[in-house]
């Protein structure tokens, strides 16, 4: 998804395609922006809402990194 050439993150279309393959995936925060660290739980909920349960349930997340 883009608006005037900018990609919106997390990009639902990217994760939808990714969920169709047996890949190990990891998504998280941009640690270069300190504000994202303090809002971690809220941002995870936001990302999960964008992606949706159908996509998330098909992803093979890397755990214990």
Protein backbone atom coordinates (compact mmCIF):
# COMPACT_ATOMS: atom_id res chain seq x y z
CA UNK A 1 0.00 0.00 0.00
CA UNK A 2 1.36 3.43 -0.75
CA UNK A 3 0.33 7.02 -0.57
CA UNK A 4 2.13 9.38 -2.93
CA UNK A 5 5.04 6.96 -3.34
CA UNK A 6 5.40 6.09 0.35
CA UNK A 7 4.92 2.59 1.70
CA UNK A 8 2.78 2.19 4.79
CA UNK A 9 4.31 -0.13 7.40
CA UNK A 10 3.60 -2.80 8.18
CA UNK A 11 2.75 -3.47 4.55
CA UNK A 12 -0.21 -5.86 4.62
CA UNK A 13 0.28 -6.87 0.97
CA UNK A 14 3.89 -7.93 1.63
CA UNK A 15 2.94 -10.06 4.66
CA UNK A 16 -0.01 -11.59 2.79
CA UNK A 17 2.35 -12.82 0.06
CA UNK A 18 4.90 -13.96 2.64
CA UNK A 19 2.26 -15.97 4.50
CA UNK A 20 1.82 -18.20 1.44
CA UNK A 21 5.36 -19.61 1.75
CA UNK A 22 7.08 -21.75 4.38
CA UNK A 23 9.45 -19.00 5.54
CA UNK A 24 10.70 -18.09 8.98
CA UNK A 25 9.75 -14.47 9.61
CA UNK A 26 10.45 -11.75 12.12
CA UNK A 27 8.89 -8.34 12.41
CA UNK A 28 9.43 -5.73 15.02
CA UNK A 29 10.28 -2.12 15.63
CA UNK A 30 12.74 0.40 14.24
CA UNK A 31 15.04 0.71 17.21
CA UNK A 32 16.55 3.86 15.71
CA UNK A 33 13.42 5.66 16.91
CA UNK A 34 13.40 5.58 20.71
CA UNK A 35 9.71 6.46 20.87
CA UNK A 36 8.82 3.15 19.23
CA UNK A 37 10.53 1.24 22.03
CA UNK A 38 8.41 2.91 24.71
CA UNK A 39 5.22 2.24 22.70
CA UNK A 40 6.14 -1.39 21.96
CA UNK A 41 2.91 -3.11 23.07
CA UNK A 42 0.69 -0.51 21.42
CA UNK A 43 2.61 -0.76 18.14
CA UNK A 44 2.44 -4.57 18.13
CA UNK A 45 -1.35 -4.38 18.57
CA UNK A 46 -1.52 -1.83 15.73
CA UNK A 47 0.58 -4.05 13.43
CA UNK A 48 -1.55 -7.08 14.27
CA UNK A 49 -4.72 -5.15 13.41
CA UNK A 50 -3.30 -4.18 10.02
CA UNK A 51 -2.16 -7.70 9.18
CA UNK A 52 -5.18 -9.51 10.58
CA UNK A 53 -5.53 -12.92 12.19
CA UNK A 54 -5.72 -14.80 8.88
CA UNK A 55 -2.26 -13.65 7.80
CA UNK A 56 -0.67 -13.85 11.26
CA UNK A 57 -1.89 -17.41 11.80
CA UNK A 58 -0.09 -18.52 8.61
CA UNK A 59 3.26 -16.90 9.43
CA UNK A 60 6.11 -18.97 10.88
CA UNK A 61 7.62 -16.50 13.37
CA UNK A 62 11.20 -16.82 14.59
CA UNK A 63 11.10 -17.18 18.35
CA UNK A 64 13.62 -16.62 21.13
CA UNK A 65 15.97 -14.34 19.22
